[in-house]
Amino acid sequence: MVYLLLAIALMMMDLRGQYADRVRGVLLHAFEPVFFLVDWPSTALRGVQQRFKSFETLLGESQSLSRDLLAQAAAMQRTQALERENQRLRGLLGALTGEVFHYQFAEILQVDLDPFSHRLMIDKGDQDGAFVGQAVIDGAGIVGQIESVQWHMSSVRLISDPDHALPVQSGRTGLRSVAFGTGSTDTLLLPNVPLQADVRVGDLLVTSGLGERFPPGFPVARVESVERTQGETFARVSARPLAALDRGREVLLVLAERILLPAPQEEKAETTLPPEPDVPMHPGGEGEP
């Protein structure tokens, strides 16, 4: 009974004062060197393996990267054209503010895929400019957001975490909804989609920008199934995340910076009038052509 009453008292204190989060943060700062010490053997082993890679493997990787770079360069040409068109339309509509994104490379130190908690640890912390709520992506899509920050490390909550919700919208129709984690790295649920909404299998879901945590336009998932049951208010929509949530070694931290776009300038057409012809004057002083 004493332990039970003590547990209830501690839970009430934590509910009001958030003491558990503070104690957890202090402990993470104190045990940060232990994480580095435990991870050091695997880091050293990976370094040795990378040094002993064969010349043929490196040559093959170089050729593959060259082909990928060429393909990306072709895609970037179209992206730059669309970006210029977007800025021009913003100017015509009077939108004087925009966003430019900066990316910071980070390496994954630890992955925790507990059914009730999906998190990973990265090697960027407070001294590297990481902050709570910062969006984390990989080469394919949204991975999650930073949940806590230490000096040299940060904890990232994945979008597949059962307690995570992400505002999204359809890239095809612009329909907005919220994608919830399910505890599985290959499934997100959208339970609040209206029954008659235009949602199809294969639709790309991107971040909507609502909530001001994830910048708009980043890919999140692709719709895999749509179940519509008569009599229900909402359809059951499931999607597969595009990011490699359970594999991969590197991620990118997104930093959005607001910029002031130039005000729209109206082009004024210059009209050149022909010179007036010389009109001979009458000796009386009145001019007649």
C-alpha atoms as a PDB file:
ATOM      1  CA  MET A   1       0.000   0.000   0.000  1.00  0.00           C
ATOM      2  CA  VAL A   2       2.851   2.381   0.805  1.00  0.00           C
ATOM      3  CA  TYR A   3       4.499   1.711  -2.563  1.00  0.00           C
ATOM      4  CA  LEU A   4       1.157   2.107  -4.340  1.00  0.00           C
ATOM      5  CA  LEU A   5       0.481   5.466  -2.675  1.00  0.00           C
ATOM      6  CA  LEU A   6       4.037   6.591  -3.421  1.00  0.00           C
ATOM      7  CA  ALA A   7       3.647   5.633  -7.092  1.00  0.00           C
ATOM      8  CA  ILE A   8       0.356   7.568  -7.346  1.00  0.00           C
ATOM      9  CA  ALA A   9       1.929  10.616  -5.690  1.00  0.00           C
ATOM     10  CA  LEU A  10       4.906  10.520  -8.047  1.00  0.00           C
ATOM     11  CA  MET A  11       2.632  10.211 -11.089  1.00  0.00           C
ATOM     12  CA  MET A  12       0.581  13.226  -9.969  1.00  0.00           C
ATOM     13  CA  MET A  13       3.744  15.264  -9.378  1.00  0.00           C
ATOM     14  CA  ASP A  14       5.101  14.315 -12.795  1.00  0.00           C
ATOM     15  CA  LEU A  15       1.786  15.173 -14.454  1.00  0.00           C
ATOM     16  CA  ARG A  16       1.864  18.673 -12.998  1.00  0.00           C
ATOM     17  CA  GLY A  17       5.569  19.462 -13.055  1.00  0.00           C
ATOM     18  CA  GLN A  18       6.987  17.235 -15.839  1.00  0.00           C
ATOM     19  CA  TYR A  19       9.723  16.045 -13.495  1.00  0.00           C
ATOM     20  CA  ALA A  20      10.326  12.790 -15.381  1.00  0.00           C
ATOM     21  CA  ASP A  21      11.358  14.615 -18.568  1.00  0.00           C
ATOM     22  CA  ARG A  22      13.785  16.777 -16.611  1.00  0.00           C
ATOM     23  CA  VAL A  23      15.347  13.796 -14.836  1.00  0.00           C
ATOM     24  CA  ARG A  24      15.556  11.900 -18.133  1.00  0.00           C
ATOM     25  CA  GLY A  25      17.312  14.849 -19.773  1.00  0.00           C
ATOM     26  CA  VAL A  26      19.858  15.117 -16.946  1.00  0.00           C
ATOM     27  CA  LEU A  27      20.549  11.375 -17.100  1.00  0.00           C
ATOM     28  CA  LEU A  28      21.013  11.468 -20.872  1.00  0.00           C
ATOM     29  CA  HIS A  29      23.555  14.271 -20.505  1.00  0.00           C
ATOM     30  CA  ALA A  30      25.360  12.341 -17.766  1.00  0.00           C
ATOM     31  CA  PHE A  31      25.503   9.050 -19.681  1.00  0.00           C
ATOM     32  CA  GLU A  32      26.335  10.546 -23.093  1.00  0.00           C
ATOM     33  CA  PRO A  33      30.018   9.433 -22.874  1.00  0.00           C
ATOM     34  CA  VAL A  34      28.819   5.860 -22.223  1.00  0.00           C
ATOM     35  CA  PHE A  35      26.952   5.854 -25.562  1.00  0.00           C
ATOM     36  CA  PHE A  36      30.117   6.920 -27.376  1.00  0.00           C
ATOM     37  CA  LEU A  37      32.168   4.284 -25.535  1.00  0.00           C
ATOM     38  CA  VAL A  38      29.726   1.487 -26.381  1.00  0.00           C
ATOM     39  CA  ASP A  39      29.469   2.566 -30.026  1.00  0.00           C
ATOM     40  CA  TRP A  40      33.240   2.971 -30.463  1.00  0.00           C
ATOM     41  CA  PRO A  41      34.034  -0.706 -31.388  1.00  0.00           C
ATOM     42  CA  SER A  42      31.429  -0.818 -34.156  1.00  0.00           C
ATOM     43  CA  THR A  43      32.530   2.597 -35.436  1.00  0.00           C
ATOM     44  CA  ALA A  44      36.169   1.472 -35.514  1.00  0.00           C
ATOM     45  CA  LEU A  45      35.200  -1.773 -37.272  1.00  0.00           C
ATOM     46  CA  ARG A  46      33.271   0.119 -39.949  1.00  0.00           C
ATOM     47  CA  GLY A  47      36.262   2.385 -40.470  1.00  0.00           C
ATOM     48  CA  VAL A  48      38.588  -0.572 -40.950  1.00  0.00           C
ATOM     49  CA  GLN A  49      36.181  -2.235 -43.384  1.00  0.00           C
ATOM     50  CA  GLN A  50      35.872   0.926 -45.428  1.00  0.00           C
ATOM     51  CA  ARG A  51      39.658   1.268 -45.645  1.00  0.00           C
ATOM     52  CA  PHE A  52      40.018  -2.289 -46.992  1.00  0.00           C
ATOM     53  CA  LYS A  53      37.386  -2.010 -49.724  1.00  0.00           C
ATOM     54  CA  SER A  54      38.636  -3.278 -53.055  1.00  0.00           C
ATOM     55  CA  PHE A  55      39.486  -0.973 -55.923  1.00  0.00           C
ATOM     56  CA  GLU A  56      36.837  -2.628 -58.128  1.00  0.00           C
ATOM     57  CA  THR A  57      34.117  -1.920 -55.559  1.00  0.00           C
ATOM     58  CA  LEU A  58      35.102   1.726 -55.294  1.00  0.00           C
ATOM     59  CA  LEU A  59      35.258   2.010 -59.084  1.00  0.00           C
ATOM     60  CA  GLY A  60      31.790   0.495 -59.431  1.00  0.00           C
ATOM     61  CA  GLU A  61      30.392   2.818 -56.795  1.00  0.00           C
ATOM     62  CA  SER A  62      32.001   5.798 -58.520  1.00  0.00           C
ATOM     63  CA  GLN A  63      30.437   4.888 -61.865  1.00  0.00           C
ATOM     64  CA  SER A  64      27.042   4.336 -60.247  1.00  0.00           C
ATOM     65  CA  LEU A  65      27.239   7.669 -58.440  1.00  0.00           C
ATOM     66  CA  SER A  66      28.247   9.390 -61.670  1.00  0.00           C
ATOM     67  CA  ARG A  67      25.161   8.028 -63.412  1.00  0.00           C
ATOM     68  CA  ASP A  68      22.944   9.047 -60.496  1.00  0.00           C
ATOM     69  CA  LEU A  69      24.502  12.504 -60.472  1.00  0.00           C
ATOM     70  CA  LEU A  70      23.809  12.907 -64.183  1.00  0.00           C
ATOM     71  CA  ALA A  71      20.183  11.875 -63.683  1.00  0.00           C
ATOM     72  CA  GLN A  72      19.827  14.255 -60.754  1.00  0.00           C
ATOM     73  CA  ALA A  73      21.335  17.076 -62.795  1.00  0.00           C
ATOM     74  CA  ALA A  74      18.702  16.538 -65.477  1.00  0.00           C
ATOM     75  CA  ALA A  75      15.961  16.559 -62.856  1.00  0.00           C
ATOM     76  CA  MET A  76      17.418  19.670 -61.207  1.00  0.00           C
ATOM     77  CA  GLN A  77      17.096  21.591 -64.456  1.00  0.00           C
ATOM     78  CA  ARG A  78      13.352  21.047 -64.333  1.00  0.00           C
ATOM     79  CA  THR A  79      13.271  21.802 -60.602  1.00  0.00           C
ATOM     80  CA  GLN A  80      15.071  25.103 -61.058  1.00  0.00           C
ATOM     81  CA  ALA A  81      12.673  26.086 -63.822  1.00  0.00           C
ATOM     82  CA  LEU A  82       9.700  25.278 -61.585  1.00  0.00           C
ATOM     83  CA  GLU A  83      11.269  27.223 -58.721  1.00  0.00           C
ATOM     84  CA  ARG A  84      11.689  30.296 -60.903  1.00  0.00           C
ATOM     85  CA  GLU A  85       8.106  29.935 -62.094  1.00  0.00           C
ATOM     86  CA  ASN A  86       6.942  29.616 -58.480  1.00  0.00           C
ATOM     87  CA  GLN A  87       8.775  32.788 -57.483  1.00  0.00           C
ATOM     88  CA  ARG A  88       7.301  34.627 -60.465  1.00  0.00           C
ATOM     89  CA  LEU A  89       3.768  33.552 -59.501  1.00  0.00           C
ATOM     90  CA  ARG A  90       4.396  34.531 -55.875  1.00  0.00           C
ATOM     91  CA  GLY A  91       5.463  37.927 -57.093  1.00  0.00           C
ATOM     92  CA  LEU A  92       2.329  38.322 -59.218  1.00  0.00           C
ATOM     93  CA  LEU A  93       0.167  37.359 -56.230  1.00  0.00           C
ATOM     94  CA  GLY A  94       1.985  39.758 -53.943  1.00  0.00           C
ATOM     95  CA  ALA A  95       3.564  37.079 -51.749  1.00  0.00           C
ATOM     96  CA  LEU A  96       6.723  38.801 -50.558  1.00  0.00           C
ATOM     97  CA  THR A  97       8.064  36.043 -48.284  1.00  0.00           C
ATOM     98  CA  GLY A  98       9.415  32.584 -49.072  1.00  0.00           C
ATOM     99  CA  GLU A  99      11.605  29.880 -47.588  1.00  0.00           C
ATOM    100  CA  VAL A 100      15.002  28.514 -48.462  1.00  0.00           C
ATOM    101  CA  PHE A 101      16.154  25.225 -46.935  1.00  0.00           C
ATOM    102  CA  HIS A 102      19.545  24.244 -45.565  1.00  0.00           C
ATOM    103  CA  TYR A 103      20.518  20.635 -44.809  1.00  0.00           C
ATOM    104  CA  GLN A 104      22.931  19.182 -42.256  1.00  0.00           C
ATOM    105  CA  PHE A 105      24.298  15.662 -42.563  1.00  0.00           C
ATOM    106  CA  ALA A 106      23.961  13.358 -39.505  1.00  0.00           C
ATOM    107  CA  GLU A 107      24.854   9.735 -38.844  1.00  0.00           C
ATOM    108  CA  ILE A 108      22.585   7.282 -37.031  1.00  0.00           C
ATOM    109  CA  LEU A 109      24.148   5.923 -33.844  1.00  0.00           C
ATOM    110  CA  GLN A 110      21.325   3.779 -32.480  1.00  0.00           C
ATOM    111  CA  VAL A 111      17.877   2.590 -33.593  1.00  0.00           C
ATOM    112  CA  ASP A 112      15.091   1.649 -31.160  1.00  0.00           C
ATOM    113  CA  LEU A 113      12.093  -0.022 -32.842  1.00  0.00           C
ATOM    114  CA  ASP A 114      10.178  -1.041 -29.735  1.00  0.00           C
ATOM    115  CA  PRO A 115       6.498  -1.640 -30.678  1.00  0.00           C
ATOM    116  CA  PHE A 116       5.457   1.240 -28.422  1.00  0.00           C
ATOM    117  CA  SER A 117       8.322   3.629 -29.160  1.00  0.00           C
ATOM    118  CA  HIS A 118      10.135   4.194 -32.473  1.00  0.00           C
ATOM    119  CA  ARG A 119      13.223   6.361 -31.982  1.00  0.00           C
ATOM    120  CA  LEU A 120      16.765   6.676 -33.214  1.00  0.00           C
ATOM    121  CA  MET A 121      19.873   8.466 -31.943  1.00  0.00           C
ATOM    122  CA  ILE A 122      21.961  10.698 -34.228  1.00  0.00           C
ATOM    123  CA  ASP A 123      25.421  12.220 -33.775  1.00  0.00           C
ATOM    124  CA  LYS A 124      24.328  15.877 -33.941  1.00  0.00           C
ATOM    125  CA  GLY A 125      23.417  17.791 -30.810  1.00  0.00           C
ATOM    126  CA  ASP A 126      23.137  21.202 -29.264  1.00  0.00           C
ATOM    127  CA  GLN A 127      26.650  22.270 -30.255  1.00  0.00           C
ATOM    128  CA  ASP A 128      25.854  21.441 -33.906  1.00  0.00           C
ATOM    129  CA  GLY A 129      22.750  23.622 -33.981  1.00  0.00           C
ATOM    130  CA  ALA A 130      20.150  20.839 -33.641  1.00  0.00           C
ATOM    131  CA  PHE A 131      16.946  21.801 -31.832  1.00  0.00           C
ATOM    132  CA  VAL A 132      13.763  20.162 -30.575  1.00  0.00           C
ATOM    133  CA  GLY A 133      11.133  19.874 -33.310  1.00  0.00           C
ATOM    134  CA  GLN A 134      13.608  19.988 -36.200  1.00  0.00           C
ATOM    135  CA  ALA A 135      12.523  17.921 -39.198  1.00  0.00           C
ATOM    136  CA  VAL A 136      14.678  14.916 -40.161  1.00  0.00           C
ATOM    137  CA  ILE A 137      14.645  13.431 -43.680  1.00  0.00           C
ATOM    138  CA  ASP A 138      16.591  10.989 -45.811  1.00  0.00           C
ATOM    139  CA  GLY A 139      16.986  10.695 -49.570  1.00  0.00           C
ATOM    140  CA  ALA A 140      13.409   9.466 -50.051  1.00  0.00           C
ATOM    141  CA  GLY A 141      11.204  11.307 -47.563  1.00  0.00           C
ATOM    142  CA  ILE A 142      10.387  12.391 -44.011  1.00  0.00           C
ATOM    143  CA  VAL A 143      11.982  10.307 -41.239  1.00  0.00           C
ATOM    144  CA  GLY A 144      10.754  12.102 -38.117  1.00  0.00           C
ATOM    145  CA  GLN A 145      11.513  15.017 -35.839  1.00  0.00           C
ATOM    146  CA  ILE A 146      14.040  15.694 -33.077  1.00  0.00           C
ATOM    147  CA  GLU A 147      12.504  15.009 -29.667  1.00  0.00           C
ATOM    148  CA  SER A 148      15.375  15.786 -27.282  1.00  0.00           C
ATOM    149  CA  VAL A 149      18.820  17.314 -27.677  1.00  0.00           C
ATOM    150  CA  GLN A 150      22.047  16.643 -25.776  1.00  0.00           C
ATOM    151  CA  TRP A 151      25.496  18.155 -26.312  1.00  0.00           C
ATOM    152  CA  HIS A 152      26.678  15.806 -29.064  1.00  0.00           C
ATOM    153  CA  MET A 153      23.590  13.654 -29.730  1.00  0.00           C
ATOM    154  CA  SER A 154      19.874  13.984 -30.358  1.00  0.00           C
ATOM    155  CA  SER A 155      16.902  11.637 -30.086  1.00  0.00           C
ATOM    156  CA  VAL A 156      14.590  11.482 -33.124  1.00  0.00           C
ATOM    157  CA  ARG A 157      10.983  10.279 -32.953  1.00  0.00           C
ATOM    158  CA  LEU A 158      10.095   8.421 -36.159  1.00  0.00           C
ATOM    159  CA  ILE A 159       6.861   9.057 -38.048  1.00  0.00           C
ATOM    160  CA  SER A 160       5.979   5.380 -37.468  1.00  0.00           C
ATOM    161  CA  ASP A 161       5.878   5.896 -33.671  1.00  0.00           C
ATOM    162  CA  PRO A 162       2.364   5.122 -32.329  1.00  0.00           C
ATOM    163  CA  ASP A 163       2.229   8.545 -30.636  1.00  0.00           C
ATOM    164  CA  HIS A 164       3.315  10.530 -33.698  1.00  0.00           C
ATOM    165  CA  ALA A 165       0.946  12.473 -35.972  1.00  0.00           C
ATOM    166  CA  LEU A 166       1.995  14.256 -39.163  1.00  0.00           C
ATOM    167  CA  PRO A 167      -0.146  16.740 -41.161  1.00  0.00           C
ATOM    168  CA  VAL A 168      -0.096  15.695 -44.829  1.00  0.00           C
ATOM    169  CA  GLN A 169      -1.860  16.479 -48.072  1.00  0.00           C
ATOM    170  CA  SER A 170      -2.367  14.666 -51.343  1.00  0.00           C
ATOM    171  CA  GLY A 171       0.014  15.744 -54.068  1.00  0.00           C
ATOM    172  CA  ARG A 172      -2.670  15.082 -56.673  1.00  0.00           C
ATOM    173  CA  THR A 173      -5.737  16.766 -55.187  1.00  0.00           C
ATOM    174  CA  GLY A 174      -4.407  18.839 -52.282  1.00  0.00           C
ATOM    175  CA  LEU A 175      -6.681  17.031 -49.795  1.00  0.00           C
ATOM    176  CA  ARG A 176      -5.404  17.585 -46.243  1.00  0.00           C
ATOM    177  CA  SER A 177      -5.361  14.937 -43.524  1.00  0.00           C
ATOM    178  CA  VAL A 178      -3.209  13.604 -40.678  1.00  0.00           C
ATOM    179  CA  ALA A 179      -0.995  10.490 -40.918  1.00  0.00           C
ATOM    180  CA  PHE A 180      -0.632   8.547 -37.673  1.00  0.00           C
ATOM    181  CA  GLY A 181       2.106   6.066 -36.804  1.00  0.00           C
ATOM    182  CA  THR A 182       1.046   2.478 -36.179  1.00  0.00           C
ATOM    183  CA  GLY A 183       4.109   0.966 -34.505  1.00  0.00           C
ATOM    184  CA  SER A 184       5.066  -0.617 -37.849  1.00  0.00           C
ATOM    185  CA  THR A 185       7.735   0.961 -40.046  1.00  0.00           C
ATOM    186  CA  ASP A 186       5.872   0.109 -43.265  1.00  0.00           C
ATOM    187  CA  THR A 187       2.391   1.472 -42.471  1.00  0.00           C
ATOM    188  CA  LEU A 188       0.834   4.849 -41.681  1.00  0.00           C
ATOM    189  CA  LEU A 189      -2.906   5.338 -41.117  1.00  0.00           C
ATOM    190  CA  LEU A 190      -5.102   8.228 -42.222  1.00  0.00           C
ATOM    191  CA  PRO A 191      -8.317   7.666 -40.228  1.00  0.00           C
ATOM    192  CA  ASN A 192      -9.914  11.083 -40.813  1.00  0.00           C
ATOM    193  CA  VAL A 193     -10.372  10.992 -44.591  1.00  0.00           C
ATOM    194  CA  PRO A 194     -14.021  11.648 -45.610  1.00  0.00           C
ATOM    195  CA  LEU A 195     -15.786   8.683 -47.186  1.00  0.00           C
ATOM    196  CA  GLN A 196     -16.351  10.408 -50.536  1.00  0.00           C
ATOM    197  CA  ALA A 197     -12.909  12.062 -50.710  1.00  0.00           C
ATOM    198  CA  ASP A 198     -10.909  11.643 -53.914  1.00  0.00           C
ATOM    199  CA  VAL A 199      -8.147   9.332 -52.626  1.00  0.00           C
ATOM    200  CA  ARG A 200      -6.647   6.619 -54.811  1.00  0.00           C
ATOM    201  CA  VAL A 201      -4.054   3.906 -54.402  1.00  0.00           C
ATOM    202  CA  GLY A 202      -0.687   5.279 -55.483  1.00  0.00           C
ATOM    203  CA  ASP A 203      -1.348   8.899 -54.462  1.00  0.00           C
ATOM    204  CA  LEU A 204       1.717  10.661 -53.095  1.00  0.00           C
ATOM    205  CA  LEU A 205       1.344  12.230 -49.655  1.00  0.00           C
ATOM    206  CA  VAL A 206       3.504  15.254 -48.847  1.00  0.00           C
ATOM    207  CA  THR A 207       3.844  17.480 -45.801  1.00  0.00           C
ATOM    208  CA  SER A 208       1.212  20.214 -45.679  1.00  0.00           C
ATOM    209  CA  GLY A 209       3.179  22.639 -43.500  1.00  0.00           C
ATOM    210  CA  LEU A 210       0.426  22.867 -40.872  1.00  0.00           C
ATOM    211  CA  GLY A 211       1.687  22.823 -37.310  1.00  0.00           C
ATOM    212  CA  GLU A 212       4.927  24.588 -38.390  1.00  0.00           C
ATOM    213  CA  ARG A 213       7.087  21.544 -37.568  1.00  0.00           C
ATOM    214  CA  PHE A 214       7.589  20.045 -41.029  1.00  0.00           C
ATOM    215  CA  PRO A 215       8.144  22.368 -44.005  1.00  0.00           C
ATOM    216  CA  PRO A 216       5.545  21.911 -46.769  1.00  0.00           C
ATOM    217  CA  GLY A 217       6.154  19.851 -49.883  1.00  0.00           C
ATOM    218  CA  PHE A 218       8.410  17.067 -48.561  1.00  0.00           C
ATOM    219  CA  PRO A 219       7.313  13.509 -49.568  1.00  0.00           C
ATOM    220  CA  VAL A 220       6.007  11.337 -46.735  1.00  0.00           C
ATOM    221  CA  ALA A 221       4.271   8.203 -48.009  1.00  0.00           C
ATOM    222  CA  ARG A 222       2.326   6.635 -50.860  1.00  0.00           C
ATOM    223  CA  VAL A 223      -1.252   5.381 -50.465  1.00  0.00           C
ATOM    224  CA  GLU A 224      -1.446   1.573 -50.474  1.00  0.00           C
ATOM    225  CA  SER A 225      -5.088   0.832 -49.707  1.00  0.00           C
ATOM    226  CA  VAL A 226      -8.417   2.660 -49.413  1.00  0.00           C
ATOM    227  CA  GLU A 227     -11.334   0.940 -47.649  1.00  0.00           C
ATOM    228  CA  ARG A 228     -14.793   2.516 -47.870  1.00  0.00           C
ATOM    229  CA  THR A 229     -17.508   0.928 -45.751  1.00  0.00           C
ATOM    230  CA  GLN A 230     -21.114   1.982 -46.274  1.00  0.00           C
ATOM    231  CA  GLY A 231     -22.552   3.671 -43.211  1.00  0.00           C
ATOM    232  CA  GLU A 232     -19.201   4.894 -41.975  1.00  0.00           C
ATOM    233  CA  THR A 233     -18.246   8.571 -41.889  1.00  0.00           C
ATOM    234  CA  PHE A 234     -14.585   8.151 -42.776  1.00  0.00           C
ATOM    235  CA  ALA A 235     -12.634   5.887 -45.087  1.00  0.00           C
ATOM    236  CA  ARG A 236      -9.750   3.768 -43.824  1.00  0.00           C
ATOM    237  CA  VAL A 237      -6.622   4.778 -45.721  1.00  0.00           C
ATOM    238  CA  SER A 238      -3.213   3.202 -45.191  1.00  0.00           C
ATOM    239  CA  ALA A 239       0.067   4.387 -46.709  1.00  0.00           C
ATOM    240  CA  ARG A 240       3.639   3.136 -46.881  1.00  0.00           C
ATOM    241  CA  PRO A 241       6.369   5.569 -45.732  1.00  0.00           C
ATOM    242  CA  LEU A 242       8.920   6.455 -48.387  1.00  0.00           C
ATOM    243  CA  ALA A 243      11.830   6.962 -45.983  1.00  0.00           C
ATOM    244  CA  ALA A 244      14.000   4.038 -44.845  1.00  0.00           C
ATOM    245  CA  LEU A 245      12.813   4.017 -41.238  1.00  0.00           C
ATOM    246  CA  ASP A 246      14.291   0.631 -40.295  1.00  0.00           C
ATOM    247  CA  ARG A 247      17.496   0.776 -42.326  1.00  0.00           C
ATOM    248  CA  GLY A 248      20.108   3.235 -43.506  1.00  0.00           C
ATOM    249  CA  ARG A 249      22.935   4.970 -41.705  1.00  0.00           C
ATOM    250  CA  GLU A 250      22.577   8.651 -42.590  1.00  0.00           C
ATOM    251  CA  VAL A 251      19.888  11.334 -42.360  1.00  0.00           C
ATOM    252  CA  LEU A 252      19.591  15.052 -43.051  1.00  0.00           C
ATOM    253  CA  LEU A 253      18.446  17.776 -40.637  1.00  0.00           C
ATOM    254  CA  VAL A 254      16.277  20.434 -42.277  1.00  0.00           C
ATOM    255  CA  LEU A 255      16.590  24.106 -41.408  1.00  0.00           C
ATOM    256  CA  ALA A 256      14.091  26.465 -43.056  1.00  0.00           C
ATOM    257  CA  GLU A 257      15.084  30.109 -43.409  1.00  0.00           C
ATOM    258  CA  ARG A 258      12.561  32.771 -44.342  1.00  0.00           C
ATOM    259  CA  ILE A 259      13.661  35.146 -47.056  1.00  0.00           C
ATOM    260  CA  LEU A 260      12.187  38.320 -48.475  1.00  0.00           C
ATOM    261  CA  LEU A 261      11.335  37.951 -52.120  1.00  0.00           C
ATOM    262  CA  PRO A 262      11.630  41.018 -54.360  1.00  0.00           C
ATOM    263  CA  ALA A 263       8.429  42.941 -54.802  1.00  0.00           C
ATOM    264  CA  PRO A 264       6.678  42.419 -58.125  1.00  0.00           C
ATOM    265  CA  GLN A 265       7.689  44.995 -60.689  1.00  0.00           C
ATOM    266  CA  GLU A 266       5.305  46.010 -63.403  1.00  0.00           C
ATOM    267  CA  GLU A 267       6.819  46.230 -66.825  1.00  0.00           C
ATOM    268  CA  LYS A 268       6.022  49.513 -68.444  1.00  0.00           C
ATOM    269  CA  ALA A 269       5.956  49.595 -72.198  1.00  0.00           C
ATOM    270  CA  GLU A 270       7.719  52.603 -73.606  1.00  0.00           C
ATOM    271  CA  THR A 271       5.757  54.204 -76.418  1.00  0.00           C
ATOM    272  CA  THR A 272       7.806  56.172 -78.911  1.00  0.00           C
ATOM    273  CA  LEU A 273       5.843  58.869 -80.635  1.00  0.00           C
ATOM    274  CA  PRO A 274       6.871  59.914 -84.126  1.00  0.00           C
ATOM    275  CA  PRO A 275       8.336  63.418 -84.362  1.00  0.00           C
ATOM    276  CA  GLU A 276       5.889  66.149 -85.199  1.00  0.00           C
ATOM    277  CA  PRO A 277       6.282  67.440 -88.729  1.00  0.00           C
ATOM    278  CA  ASP A 278       7.526  70.947 -89.246  1.00  0.00           C
ATOM    279  CA  VAL A 279       4.588  73.259 -89.949  1.00  0.00           C
ATOM    280  CA  PRO A 280       5.324  76.369 -92.004  1.00  0.00           C
ATOM    281  CA  MET A 281       4.092  79.495 -90.281  1.00  0.00           C
ATOM    282  CA  HIS A 282       1.890  82.092 -92.068  1.00  0.00           C
ATOM    283  CA  PRO A 283       3.428  85.528 -92.255  1.00  0.00           C
ATOM    284  CA  GLY A 284       0.528  86.772 -90.186  1.00  0.00           C
ATOM    285  CA  GLY A 285       1.577  84.619 -87.315  1.00  0.00           C
ATOM    286  CA  GLU A 286      -1.028  81.824 -87.639  1.00  0.00           C
ATOM    287  CA  GLY A 287       0.261  78.357 -88.498  1.00  0.00           C
ATOM    288  CA  GLU A 288      -1.468  76.309 -91.205  1.00  0.00           C
ATOM    289  CA  PRO A 289      -0.307  72.934 -92.578  1.00  0.00           C
END
